[in-house]
N, C-alpha and C. Protein backbone atom coordinates (compact mmCIF):
# COMPACT_ATOMS: atom_id res chain seq x y z
N MET A 1 81.86 123.05 94.36
CA MET A 1 81.26 123.13 95.69
C MET A 1 81.79 124.38 96.39
N ASN A 2 80.89 125.28 96.73
CA ASN A 2 81.34 126.54 97.31
C ASN A 2 81.71 126.40 98.78
N LYS A 3 82.49 127.37 99.24
CA LYS A 3 82.97 127.33 100.62
C LYS A 3 81.84 127.47 101.62
N SER A 4 80.78 128.16 101.23
CA SER A 4 79.64 128.35 102.13
C SER A 4 79.01 127.01 102.50
N LEU A 5 78.88 126.12 101.51
CA LEU A 5 78.30 124.80 101.77
C LEU A 5 79.20 123.99 102.71
N ILE A 6 80.50 124.05 102.47
CA ILE A 6 81.44 123.32 103.32
C ILE A 6 81.36 123.81 104.76
N LYS A 7 81.29 125.14 104.92
CA LYS A 7 81.18 125.71 106.26
C LYS A 7 79.87 125.31 106.93
N THR A 8 78.79 125.33 106.13
CA THR A 8 77.48 124.95 106.67
C THR A 8 77.48 123.52 107.17
N MET A 9 78.06 122.61 106.37
CA MET A 9 78.10 121.21 106.78
C MET A 9 79.00 121.02 107.99
N ALA A 10 80.07 121.79 108.06
CA ALA A 10 80.98 121.70 109.22
C ALA A 10 80.28 122.15 110.49
N VAL A 11 79.55 123.26 110.40
CA VAL A 11 78.81 123.78 111.56
C VAL A 11 77.71 122.81 111.97
N SER A 12 76.99 122.30 110.99
CA SER A 12 75.91 121.36 111.27
C SER A 12 76.44 120.09 111.93
N SER A 13 77.58 119.61 111.46
CA SER A 13 78.20 118.42 112.06
C SER A 13 78.67 118.71 113.48
N ALA A 14 79.20 119.91 113.68
CA ALA A 14 79.63 120.30 115.02
C ALA A 14 78.46 120.33 115.99
N LEU A 15 77.29 120.77 115.52
CA LEU A 15 76.09 120.78 116.35
C LEU A 15 75.68 119.36 116.73
N CYS A 16 75.89 118.43 115.81
CA CYS A 16 75.62 117.01 116.12
C CYS A 16 76.47 116.56 117.31
N ILE A 17 77.74 116.90 117.26
CA ILE A 17 78.66 116.50 118.33
C ILE A 17 78.28 117.17 119.65
N ILE A 18 77.85 118.42 119.57
CA ILE A 18 77.43 119.14 120.79
C ILE A 18 76.21 118.45 121.41
N LEU A 19 75.24 118.08 120.57
CA LEU A 19 74.06 117.38 121.07
C LEU A 19 74.45 116.05 121.72
N LEU A 20 75.40 115.36 121.09
CA LEU A 20 75.85 114.09 121.66
C LEU A 20 76.55 114.31 123.00
N MET A 21 77.36 115.36 123.10
CA MET A 21 78.04 115.66 124.36
C MET A 21 77.03 116.01 125.46
N ILE A 22 75.96 116.71 125.07
CA ILE A 22 74.90 117.02 126.03
C ILE A 22 74.27 115.73 126.54
N ARG A 23 74.03 114.80 125.62
CA ARG A 23 73.43 113.53 126.02
C ARG A 23 74.34 112.75 126.96
N ILE A 24 75.62 112.73 126.64
CA ILE A 24 76.59 112.00 127.48
C ILE A 24 76.63 112.61 128.88
N GLU A 25 76.65 113.94 128.93
CA GLU A 25 76.67 114.62 130.23
C GLU A 25 75.37 114.39 130.99
N TRP A 26 74.28 114.39 130.26
CA TRP A 26 72.95 114.23 130.85
C TRP A 26 72.76 112.83 131.43
N SER A 27 73.18 111.82 130.65
CA SER A 27 72.91 110.42 131.04
C SER A 27 74.05 109.76 131.78
N GLY A 28 75.28 110.29 131.58
CA GLY A 28 76.43 109.64 132.18
C GLY A 28 76.87 108.40 131.43
N ARG A 29 76.31 108.21 130.21
CA ARG A 29 76.65 107.04 129.40
C ARG A 29 77.02 107.49 127.99
N ILE A 30 77.76 106.63 127.30
CA ILE A 30 78.20 106.96 125.93
C ILE A 30 77.47 106.07 124.91
N SER A 31 76.19 105.85 125.14
CA SER A 31 75.41 104.91 124.32
C SER A 31 75.49 105.18 122.82
N TYR A 32 75.48 106.43 122.42
CA TYR A 32 75.42 106.76 120.99
C TYR A 32 76.73 107.33 120.46
N ILE A 33 77.83 107.01 121.09
CA ILE A 33 79.12 107.53 120.65
C ILE A 33 79.48 107.05 119.24
N PHE A 34 78.92 105.90 118.83
CA PHE A 34 79.21 105.36 117.50
C PHE A 34 78.73 106.29 116.38
N LEU A 35 77.80 107.19 116.71
CA LEU A 35 77.31 108.12 115.70
C LEU A 35 78.41 109.03 115.17
N THR A 36 79.38 109.35 116.03
CA THR A 36 80.48 110.21 115.58
C THR A 36 81.32 109.51 114.51
N TRP A 37 81.54 108.21 114.69
CA TRP A 37 82.31 107.44 113.70
C TRP A 37 81.55 107.36 112.38
N ASN A 38 80.24 107.11 112.46
CA ASN A 38 79.44 107.03 111.25
C ASN A 38 79.39 108.38 110.52
N LEU A 39 79.36 109.47 111.28
CA LEU A 39 79.38 110.79 110.66
C LEU A 39 80.73 111.07 110.00
N PHE A 40 81.80 110.63 110.65
CA PHE A 40 83.13 110.77 110.07
C PHE A 40 83.21 110.04 108.72
N LEU A 41 82.66 108.83 108.67
CA LEU A 41 82.66 108.07 107.42
C LEU A 41 81.83 108.76 106.35
N ALA A 42 80.76 109.45 106.76
CA ALA A 42 79.92 110.17 105.81
C ALA A 42 80.66 111.36 105.22
N TRP A 43 81.62 111.90 105.96
CA TRP A 43 82.41 113.03 105.46
C TRP A 43 83.40 112.60 104.37
N ILE A 44 83.80 111.35 104.35
CA ILE A 44 84.83 110.90 103.40
C ILE A 44 84.39 111.09 101.94
N PRO A 45 83.19 110.62 101.52
CA PRO A 45 82.80 110.87 100.13
C PRO A 45 82.64 112.35 99.81
N PHE A 46 82.20 113.12 100.80
CA PHE A 46 82.07 114.57 100.61
C PHE A 46 83.43 115.19 100.31
N LEU A 47 84.43 114.82 101.10
CA LEU A 47 85.78 115.37 100.90
C LEU A 47 86.39 114.85 99.60
N CYS A 48 86.09 113.60 99.24
CA CYS A 48 86.58 113.05 97.97
C CYS A 48 86.03 113.86 96.80
N ALA A 49 84.75 114.24 96.88
CA ALA A 49 84.13 115.03 95.81
C ALA A 49 84.76 116.42 95.74
N VAL A 50 85.03 117.02 96.90
CA VAL A 50 85.68 118.34 96.94
C VAL A 50 87.07 118.25 96.30
N LEU A 51 87.83 117.23 96.68
CA LEU A 51 89.18 117.07 96.13
C LEU A 51 89.15 116.73 94.66
N LEU A 52 88.15 115.96 94.23
CA LEU A 52 88.03 115.60 92.81
C LEU A 52 87.78 116.84 91.96
N LYS A 53 86.90 117.71 92.43
CA LYS A 53 86.62 118.94 91.70
C LYS A 53 87.87 119.81 91.62
N GLN A 54 88.60 119.92 92.73
CA GLN A 54 89.81 120.72 92.75
C GLN A 54 90.88 120.13 91.85
N ALA A 55 90.99 118.79 91.88
CA ALA A 55 91.99 118.12 91.05
C ALA A 55 91.70 118.32 89.56
N LYS A 56 90.41 118.29 89.21
CA LYS A 56 90.05 118.51 87.81
C LYS A 56 90.34 119.94 87.40
N THR A 57 90.06 120.90 88.27
CA THR A 57 90.33 122.31 87.99
C THR A 57 91.83 122.55 87.81
N ASP A 58 92.63 121.85 88.62
CA ASP A 58 94.08 122.00 88.56
C ASP A 58 94.73 121.14 87.47
N LEU A 59 93.87 120.43 86.70
CA LEU A 59 94.36 119.57 85.61
C LEU A 59 95.34 118.51 86.11
N ARG A 60 94.97 117.86 87.20
CA ARG A 60 95.80 116.79 87.74
C ARG A 60 95.75 115.57 86.82
N PRO A 61 96.74 114.66 86.92
CA PRO A 61 96.75 113.46 86.08
C PRO A 61 95.47 112.64 86.25
N LYS A 62 95.12 111.91 85.20
CA LYS A 62 93.87 111.15 85.22
C LYS A 62 93.84 110.08 86.30
N TYR A 63 94.99 109.51 86.64
CA TYR A 63 94.98 108.46 87.65
C TYR A 63 94.59 109.00 89.02
N ILE A 64 94.88 110.29 89.27
CA ILE A 64 94.46 110.91 90.53
C ILE A 64 92.94 111.09 90.54
N LEU A 65 92.39 111.54 89.41
CA LEU A 65 90.94 111.69 89.30
C LEU A 65 90.26 110.33 89.47
N PHE A 66 90.83 109.31 88.85
CA PHE A 66 90.26 107.96 88.94
C PHE A 66 90.30 107.45 90.39
N PHE A 67 91.40 107.69 91.08
CA PHE A 67 91.53 107.25 92.47
C PHE A 67 90.50 107.94 93.36
N LEU A 68 90.34 109.24 93.18
CA LEU A 68 89.38 110.00 93.99
C LEU A 68 87.94 109.57 93.70
N PHE A 69 87.67 109.31 92.41
CA PHE A 69 86.32 108.86 92.05
C PHE A 69 86.03 107.49 92.66
N CYS A 70 86.98 106.57 92.59
CA CYS A 70 86.79 105.23 93.15
C CYS A 70 86.65 105.29 94.68
N SER A 71 87.41 106.18 95.31
CA SER A 71 87.30 106.36 96.76
C SER A 71 85.92 106.88 97.12
N TRP A 72 85.44 107.84 96.33
CA TRP A 72 84.09 108.35 96.57
C TRP A 72 83.06 107.24 96.43
N LEU A 73 83.17 106.46 95.36
CA LEU A 73 82.23 105.38 95.08
C LEU A 73 82.22 104.35 96.21
N LEU A 74 83.39 104.07 96.75
CA LEU A 74 83.52 103.07 97.81
C LEU A 74 82.88 103.53 99.11
N PHE A 75 83.04 104.81 99.44
CA PHE A 75 82.56 105.30 100.73
C PHE A 75 81.19 105.97 100.68
N PHE A 76 80.66 106.18 99.48
CA PHE A 76 79.37 106.86 99.36
C PHE A 76 78.24 106.23 100.18
N PRO A 77 78.12 104.88 100.22
CA PRO A 77 77.03 104.29 101.02
C PRO A 77 77.07 104.65 102.49
N ASN A 78 78.23 105.08 103.01
CA ASN A 78 78.31 105.45 104.42
C ASN A 78 77.47 106.69 104.74
N SER A 79 77.19 107.51 103.73
CA SER A 79 76.42 108.73 103.98
C SER A 79 74.97 108.44 104.33
N PRO A 80 74.21 107.72 103.46
CA PRO A 80 72.83 107.41 103.84
C PRO A 80 72.73 106.30 104.88
N TYR A 81 73.81 105.58 105.11
CA TYR A 81 73.78 104.47 106.08
C TYR A 81 73.32 104.94 107.47
N ILE A 82 73.63 106.18 107.82
CA ILE A 82 73.32 106.68 109.16
C ILE A 82 71.81 106.64 109.44
N ILE A 83 71.00 106.63 108.39
CA ILE A 83 69.55 106.52 108.59
C ILE A 83 69.22 105.26 109.39
N THR A 84 69.96 104.19 109.13
CA THR A 84 69.66 102.92 109.80
C THR A 84 70.00 102.95 111.29
N ASP A 85 70.70 103.99 111.74
CA ASP A 85 70.97 104.10 113.17
C ASP A 85 69.68 104.37 113.95
N LEU A 86 68.61 104.68 113.24
CA LEU A 86 67.31 104.80 113.90
C LEU A 86 66.87 103.47 114.51
N PHE A 87 67.45 102.37 114.04
CA PHE A 87 67.15 101.06 114.62
C PHE A 87 67.53 101.01 116.10
N HIS A 88 68.47 101.86 116.50
CA HIS A 88 68.94 101.86 117.88
C HIS A 88 68.03 102.67 118.81
N LEU A 89 67.03 103.32 118.24
CA LEU A 89 66.16 104.20 119.03
C LEU A 89 65.28 103.38 119.97
N LYS A 90 65.54 103.50 121.24
CA LYS A 90 64.76 102.82 122.27
C LYS A 90 64.68 103.72 123.49
N LEU A 91 63.62 103.55 124.25
CA LEU A 91 63.47 104.33 125.48
C LEU A 91 64.53 103.89 126.48
N LYS A 92 65.35 104.85 126.92
CA LYS A 92 66.41 104.55 127.87
C LYS A 92 66.19 105.38 129.13
N GLN A 93 66.53 104.78 130.24
CA GLN A 93 66.28 105.43 131.54
C GLN A 93 67.05 106.75 131.64
N GLY A 94 66.33 107.79 132.03
CA GLY A 94 66.96 109.09 132.28
C GLY A 94 67.02 110.01 131.09
N ILE A 95 66.71 109.49 129.88
CA ILE A 95 66.76 110.31 128.67
C ILE A 95 65.42 110.23 127.95
N PRO A 96 64.79 111.37 127.67
CA PRO A 96 63.51 111.34 126.93
C PRO A 96 63.71 110.75 125.53
N LEU A 97 62.74 109.98 125.09
CA LEU A 97 62.82 109.36 123.77
C LEU A 97 62.92 110.42 122.67
N TRP A 98 62.23 111.56 122.86
CA TRP A 98 62.24 112.60 121.83
C TRP A 98 63.63 113.18 121.63
N PHE A 99 64.43 113.24 122.71
CA PHE A 99 65.78 113.79 122.57
C PHE A 99 66.64 112.85 121.74
N ASP A 100 66.56 111.55 122.01
CA ASP A 100 67.33 110.59 121.22
C ASP A 100 66.87 110.58 119.77
N LEU A 101 65.58 110.77 119.54
CA LEU A 101 65.07 110.83 118.18
C LEU A 101 65.68 112.02 117.43
N VAL A 102 65.66 113.18 118.06
CA VAL A 102 66.26 114.38 117.45
C VAL A 102 67.75 114.17 117.21
N LEU A 103 68.43 113.58 118.18
CA LEU A 103 69.87 113.34 118.06
C LEU A 103 70.20 112.48 116.84
N ILE A 104 69.52 111.34 116.71
CA ILE A 104 69.80 110.44 115.59
C ILE A 104 69.40 111.07 114.26
N LEU A 105 68.24 111.75 114.26
CA LEU A 105 67.81 112.41 113.03
C LEU A 105 68.80 113.49 112.60
N PHE A 106 69.37 114.19 113.57
CA PHE A 106 70.36 115.23 113.27
C PHE A 106 71.57 114.62 112.57
N PHE A 107 72.07 113.52 113.10
CA PHE A 107 73.20 112.83 112.48
C PHE A 107 72.81 112.28 111.10
N ALA A 108 71.61 111.68 111.02
CA ALA A 108 71.17 111.09 109.75
C ALA A 108 71.00 112.16 108.67
N TRP A 109 70.44 113.32 109.06
CA TRP A 109 70.27 114.43 108.12
C TRP A 109 71.62 114.88 107.58
N ASN A 110 72.59 115.03 108.47
CA ASN A 110 73.93 115.44 108.02
C ASN A 110 74.54 114.41 107.10
N GLY A 111 74.36 113.13 107.41
CA GLY A 111 74.87 112.09 106.53
C GLY A 111 74.26 112.16 105.15
N LEU A 112 72.94 112.33 105.09
CA LEU A 112 72.25 112.42 103.81
C LEU A 112 72.72 113.64 103.01
N MET A 113 72.81 114.79 103.67
CA MET A 113 73.20 116.01 102.97
C MET A 113 74.64 115.94 102.47
N LEU A 114 75.51 115.36 103.28
CA LEU A 114 76.90 115.17 102.83
C LEU A 114 76.94 114.26 101.61
N GLY A 115 76.13 113.22 101.64
CA GLY A 115 76.10 112.29 100.52
C GLY A 115 75.56 112.92 99.25
N PHE A 116 74.42 113.61 99.35
CA PHE A 116 73.82 114.20 98.16
C PHE A 116 74.64 115.38 97.63
N ALA A 117 75.26 116.14 98.53
CA ALA A 117 76.13 117.23 98.07
C ALA A 117 77.28 116.66 97.25
N SER A 118 77.85 115.55 97.72
CA SER A 118 78.95 114.92 96.98
C SER A 118 78.44 114.34 95.66
N LEU A 119 77.23 113.80 95.68
CA LEU A 119 76.66 113.21 94.47
C LEU A 119 76.46 114.25 93.38
N PHE A 120 76.00 115.44 93.75
CA PHE A 120 75.82 116.50 92.76
C PHE A 120 77.16 116.90 92.13
N GLU A 121 78.22 116.89 92.93
CA GLU A 121 79.54 117.20 92.38
C GLU A 121 80.00 116.10 91.43
N ILE A 122 79.76 114.86 91.80
CA ILE A 122 80.14 113.73 90.93
C ILE A 122 79.32 113.77 89.65
N ARG A 123 78.05 114.12 89.76
CA ARG A 123 77.20 114.23 88.57
C ARG A 123 77.77 115.26 87.60
N ASP A 124 78.18 116.40 88.12
CA ASP A 124 78.76 117.44 87.25
C ASP A 124 80.07 116.96 86.63
N PHE A 125 80.83 116.22 87.41
CA PHE A 125 82.10 115.68 86.90
C PHE A 125 81.85 114.71 85.75
N LEU A 126 80.86 113.83 85.91
CA LEU A 126 80.55 112.85 84.87
C LEU A 126 79.91 113.50 83.65
N ARG A 127 79.13 114.58 83.86
CA ARG A 127 78.49 115.27 82.75
C ARG A 127 79.51 115.85 81.79
N SER A 128 80.71 116.11 82.27
CA SER A 128 81.75 116.66 81.39
C SER A 128 82.31 115.60 80.45
N MET A 129 81.95 114.32 80.70
CA MET A 129 82.49 113.22 79.89
C MET A 129 81.42 112.38 79.22
N PHE A 130 80.22 112.34 79.81
CA PHE A 130 79.17 111.47 79.30
C PHE A 130 77.86 112.25 79.10
N SER A 131 76.94 111.62 78.38
CA SER A 131 75.65 112.26 78.11
C SER A 131 74.80 112.29 79.39
N LEU A 132 73.80 113.17 79.37
CA LEU A 132 72.91 113.30 80.53
C LEU A 132 72.18 111.99 80.80
N LYS A 133 71.74 111.31 79.75
CA LYS A 133 71.02 110.04 79.90
C LYS A 133 71.91 109.00 80.56
N ALA A 134 73.16 108.92 80.11
CA ALA A 134 74.09 107.94 80.68
C ALA A 134 74.37 108.24 82.14
N VAL A 135 74.51 109.51 82.48
CA VAL A 135 74.77 109.90 83.87
C VAL A 135 73.57 109.57 84.76
N ASN A 136 72.36 109.84 84.25
CA ASN A 136 71.16 109.53 85.03
C ASN A 136 71.01 108.04 85.26
N LEU A 137 71.31 107.25 84.25
CA LEU A 137 71.25 105.80 84.40
C LEU A 137 72.29 105.32 85.42
N PHE A 138 73.46 105.94 85.39
CA PHE A 138 74.50 105.59 86.35
C PHE A 138 74.04 105.91 87.77
N ILE A 139 73.38 107.04 87.96
CA ILE A 139 72.94 107.45 89.29
C ILE A 139 71.88 106.49 89.82
N VAL A 140 70.95 106.05 88.96
CA VAL A 140 69.96 105.06 89.38
C VAL A 140 70.64 103.76 89.80
N PHE A 141 71.59 103.31 88.98
CA PHE A 141 72.35 102.10 89.32
C PHE A 141 73.13 102.30 90.61
N LEU A 142 73.69 103.49 90.78
CA LEU A 142 74.45 103.80 91.98
C LEU A 142 73.57 103.72 93.22
N MET A 143 72.33 104.21 93.15
CA MET A 143 71.43 104.17 94.29
C MET A 143 71.09 102.73 94.68
N ILE A 144 70.95 101.87 93.67
CA ILE A 144 70.70 100.45 93.95
C ILE A 144 71.93 99.83 94.61
N LEU A 145 73.10 100.14 94.07
CA LEU A 145 74.35 99.63 94.63
C LEU A 145 74.56 100.15 96.05
N CYS A 146 74.25 101.43 96.25
CA CYS A 146 74.39 102.06 97.56
C CYS A 146 73.46 101.39 98.58
N SER A 147 72.23 101.10 98.16
CA SER A 147 71.26 100.46 99.05
C SER A 147 71.70 99.05 99.42
N PHE A 148 72.29 98.36 98.46
CA PHE A 148 72.84 97.04 98.76
C PHE A 148 73.99 97.16 99.75
N GLY A 149 74.79 98.23 99.60
CA GLY A 149 75.89 98.49 100.53
C GLY A 149 75.37 98.77 101.93
N ILE A 150 74.22 99.47 102.02
CA ILE A 150 73.61 99.73 103.32
C ILE A 150 73.21 98.42 103.98
N TYR A 151 72.65 97.52 103.19
CA TYR A 151 72.28 96.20 103.72
C TYR A 151 73.51 95.46 104.23
N LEU A 152 74.59 95.49 103.43
CA LEU A 152 75.82 94.79 103.82
C LEU A 152 76.39 95.35 105.12
N GLY A 153 76.25 96.66 105.32
CA GLY A 153 76.78 97.27 106.53
C GLY A 153 75.92 97.02 107.75
N ARG A 154 74.59 97.02 107.57
CA ARG A 154 73.68 96.90 108.71
C ARG A 154 73.50 95.46 109.17
N TYR A 155 73.45 94.51 108.25
CA TYR A 155 73.14 93.13 108.63
C TYR A 155 74.36 92.19 108.64
N PRO A 156 75.02 91.91 107.50
CA PRO A 156 76.23 91.08 107.60
C PRO A 156 77.41 91.80 108.25
N ARG A 157 77.25 93.13 108.46
CA ARG A 157 78.23 93.96 109.15
C ARG A 157 79.57 94.08 108.40
N TRP A 158 79.50 94.16 107.08
CA TRP A 158 80.69 94.45 106.29
C TRP A 158 80.93 95.96 106.27
N ASN A 159 82.19 96.36 106.13
CA ASN A 159 82.55 97.78 106.08
C ASN A 159 83.22 98.11 104.75
N SER A 160 83.29 99.40 104.43
CA SER A 160 83.87 99.83 103.16
C SER A 160 85.30 99.35 102.99
N TRP A 161 86.08 99.37 104.08
CA TRP A 161 87.49 99.00 103.96
C TRP A 161 87.71 97.49 103.84
N ASP A 162 86.63 96.70 104.01
CA ASP A 162 86.77 95.24 103.85
C ASP A 162 87.07 94.87 102.41
N ILE A 163 86.76 95.77 101.47
CA ILE A 163 87.08 95.49 100.08
C ILE A 163 88.59 95.45 99.86
N VAL A 164 89.33 96.04 100.81
CA VAL A 164 90.80 96.01 100.76
C VAL A 164 91.35 94.99 101.76
N SER A 165 90.80 94.98 102.98
CA SER A 165 91.33 94.11 104.03
C SER A 165 90.87 92.66 103.92
N ASN A 166 89.66 92.45 103.39
CA ASN A 166 89.15 91.07 103.27
C ASN A 166 88.26 90.93 102.04
N PRO A 167 88.81 91.18 100.84
CA PRO A 167 87.99 91.13 99.63
C PRO A 167 87.43 89.75 99.33
N ALA A 168 88.22 88.71 99.63
CA ALA A 168 87.77 87.33 99.34
C ALA A 168 86.52 87.00 100.14
N GLY A 169 86.54 87.31 101.45
CA GLY A 169 85.39 87.03 102.29
C GLY A 169 84.18 87.85 101.89
N LEU A 170 84.40 89.12 101.57
CA LEU A 170 83.31 90.01 101.18
C LEU A 170 82.63 89.53 99.91
N PHE A 171 83.41 89.27 98.87
CA PHE A 171 82.82 88.87 97.60
C PHE A 171 82.23 87.47 97.64
N ALA A 172 82.80 86.60 98.47
CA ALA A 172 82.23 85.27 98.64
C ALA A 172 80.85 85.36 99.28
N ASP A 173 80.72 86.24 100.27
CA ASP A 173 79.44 86.44 100.94
C ASP A 173 78.41 87.04 99.97
N ILE A 174 78.84 88.04 99.19
CA ILE A 174 77.95 88.66 98.21
C ILE A 174 77.50 87.63 97.17
N PHE A 175 78.41 86.81 96.71
CA PHE A 175 78.10 85.78 95.71
C PHE A 175 77.03 84.83 96.23
N GLN A 176 77.19 84.40 97.48
CA GLN A 176 76.21 83.50 98.08
C GLN A 176 74.84 84.15 98.19
N MET A 177 74.81 85.43 98.51
CA MET A 177 73.53 86.14 98.60
C MET A 177 72.84 86.20 97.24
N LEU A 178 73.62 86.49 96.20
CA LEU A 178 73.05 86.70 94.88
C LEU A 178 72.58 85.41 94.22
N ILE A 179 73.23 84.30 94.50
CA ILE A 179 72.82 83.03 93.88
C ILE A 179 71.72 82.34 94.68
N HIS A 180 71.43 82.85 95.89
CA HIS A 180 70.35 82.29 96.70
C HIS A 180 69.40 83.42 97.14
N PRO A 181 68.77 84.10 96.18
CA PRO A 181 67.90 85.23 96.53
C PRO A 181 66.71 84.83 97.39
N ALA A 182 66.19 83.62 97.20
CA ALA A 182 65.03 83.18 97.97
C ALA A 182 65.36 83.05 99.45
N GLU A 183 66.62 82.85 99.77
CA GLU A 183 67.04 82.74 101.16
C GLU A 183 67.47 84.09 101.74
N ASN A 184 67.40 85.12 100.92
CA ASN A 184 67.84 86.45 101.36
C ASN A 184 66.78 87.50 101.01
N THR A 185 65.55 87.24 101.45
CA THR A 185 64.45 88.16 101.14
C THR A 185 64.64 89.52 101.82
N ARG A 186 65.29 89.51 102.98
CA ARG A 186 65.55 90.79 103.66
C ARG A 186 66.51 91.64 102.84
N MET A 187 67.51 91.01 102.23
CA MET A 187 68.45 91.73 101.36
C MET A 187 67.69 92.38 100.21
N ILE A 188 66.77 91.64 99.59
CA ILE A 188 66.00 92.17 98.48
C ILE A 188 65.12 93.32 98.94
N GLY A 189 64.45 93.14 100.08
CA GLY A 189 63.57 94.19 100.59
C GLY A 189 64.31 95.45 100.95
N VAL A 190 65.41 95.32 101.69
CA VAL A 190 66.20 96.49 102.09
C VAL A 190 66.75 97.21 100.86
N THR A 191 67.31 96.45 99.92
CA THR A 191 67.89 97.05 98.72
C THR A 191 66.83 97.77 97.89
N PHE A 192 65.68 97.14 97.71
CA PHE A 192 64.62 97.73 96.87
C PHE A 192 64.06 99.01 97.49
N PHE A 193 63.68 98.95 98.76
CA PHE A 193 63.00 100.10 99.36
C PHE A 193 63.95 101.25 99.68
N PHE A 194 65.21 100.94 100.02
CA PHE A 194 66.17 102.02 100.20
C PHE A 194 66.51 102.65 98.85
N SER A 195 66.57 101.83 97.80
CA SER A 195 66.81 102.38 96.45
C SER A 195 65.69 103.34 96.07
N LEU A 196 64.46 102.93 96.34
CA LEU A 196 63.30 103.77 96.04
C LEU A 196 63.39 105.09 96.80
N PHE A 197 63.72 105.01 98.08
CA PHE A 197 63.85 106.22 98.90
C PHE A 197 64.94 107.14 98.38
N LEU A 198 66.11 106.60 98.08
CA LEU A 198 67.24 107.42 97.65
C LEU A 198 67.01 108.03 96.27
N ILE A 199 66.39 107.27 95.36
CA ILE A 199 66.11 107.79 94.02
C ILE A 199 65.11 108.94 94.09
N VAL A 200 64.04 108.75 94.86
CA VAL A 200 63.04 109.82 95.01
C VAL A 200 63.65 111.04 95.70
N ALA A 201 64.49 110.81 96.71
CA ALA A 201 65.16 111.93 97.39
C ALA A 201 66.06 112.68 96.43
N TYR A 202 66.77 111.96 95.58
CA TYR A 202 67.65 112.60 94.59
C TYR A 202 66.84 113.43 93.60
N TRP A 203 65.76 112.84 93.08
CA TRP A 203 64.92 113.57 92.13
C TRP A 203 64.34 114.83 92.77
N THR A 204 63.92 114.71 94.03
CA THR A 204 63.33 115.85 94.73
C THR A 204 64.35 116.97 94.91
N LEU A 205 65.54 116.61 95.36
CA LEU A 205 66.59 117.62 95.57
C LEU A 205 67.03 118.23 94.24
N THR A 206 67.07 117.41 93.19
CA THR A 206 67.44 117.92 91.87
C THR A 206 66.43 118.96 91.39
N ALA A 207 65.14 118.64 91.58
CA ALA A 207 64.08 119.58 91.18
C ALA A 207 64.14 120.85 92.00
N LEU A 208 64.43 120.71 93.30
CA LEU A 208 64.53 121.87 94.18
C LEU A 208 65.68 122.78 93.77
N VAL A 209 66.85 122.18 93.53
CA VAL A 209 68.03 122.95 93.13
C VAL A 209 67.78 123.63 91.78
N SER A 210 67.17 122.90 90.85
CA SER A 210 66.87 123.46 89.53
C SER A 210 65.91 124.64 89.64
N ASN A 211 64.91 124.50 90.50
CA ASN A 211 63.94 125.58 90.70
C ASN A 211 64.59 126.82 91.29
N LEU A 212 65.50 126.62 92.23
CA LEU A 212 66.20 127.75 92.83
C LEU A 212 67.09 128.45 91.81
N LYS A 213 67.71 127.68 90.92
CA LYS A 213 68.56 128.27 89.89
C LYS A 213 67.73 129.07 88.89
N ILE A 214 66.53 128.56 88.58
CA ILE A 214 65.65 129.28 87.67
C ILE A 214 65.29 130.63 88.25
N LYS A 215 64.97 130.64 89.54
CA LYS A 215 64.59 131.90 90.20
C LYS A 215 65.76 132.87 90.31
N SER A 216 66.98 132.31 90.47
CA SER A 216 68.13 133.18 90.67
C SER A 216 68.67 133.79 89.38
N ASP A 217 68.63 133.02 88.29
CA ASP A 217 69.18 133.57 87.04
C ASP A 217 68.17 133.67 85.89
N GLY A 218 66.94 133.26 86.15
CA GLY A 218 65.88 133.46 85.18
C GLY A 218 65.91 132.50 84.01
N LYS A 219 66.69 131.44 84.07
CA LYS A 219 66.71 130.46 82.99
C LYS A 219 66.90 129.07 83.57
N LYS A 220 66.39 128.11 82.89
CA LYS A 220 66.44 126.73 83.35
C LYS A 220 67.78 126.11 83.02
N GLU A 221 68.29 125.29 83.99
CA GLU A 221 69.58 124.61 83.77
C GLU A 221 69.41 123.53 82.73
N ILE A 222 70.35 123.43 81.82
CA ILE A 222 70.29 122.42 80.76
C ILE A 222 71.07 121.18 81.20
């Protein structure tokens, strides 16, 4: 991951905060302050991917690589999760609806880009150990798992750190959902359609990046 991308994401995230500060000053309320926390969580998998790449380059012990990979896997759903903050979009007195729409979309875009940038780094990391087919299958499974994580965060309100602070409660809740699918149709719907969205978004970005590389060096990436 080059420094230019890191700087771009930092500047883009800073613009999100500036827009939020403008809204707070404009309205006199802190209605969307939670967006900053969600954006912070979206940065965690991005930073884990950066550190993982550096650790591999520096030939760090395997347990460090494993820890960074697991940390990335745990926090990755926080990146696309910000899309669901659009649920909070409502007409509020004193603030145009279009401004709040742009504000939330700005945060959601940064969350998505942080997530996909980290995913491309993880893909390259896995490609050094596994076949392309195995990595692609893992990414599809990951998108399904990520979408289920989005559901857990938006509706039952579980968080990434609950796997450490309250694993018994988290897994008990998940178990109940999985053995009673007919009673959890919203879980199935959210997981399926978010998986579809994330998989198509990944394929689209992959094709875009591949096309840009072809134009830049005149040969297709293998």
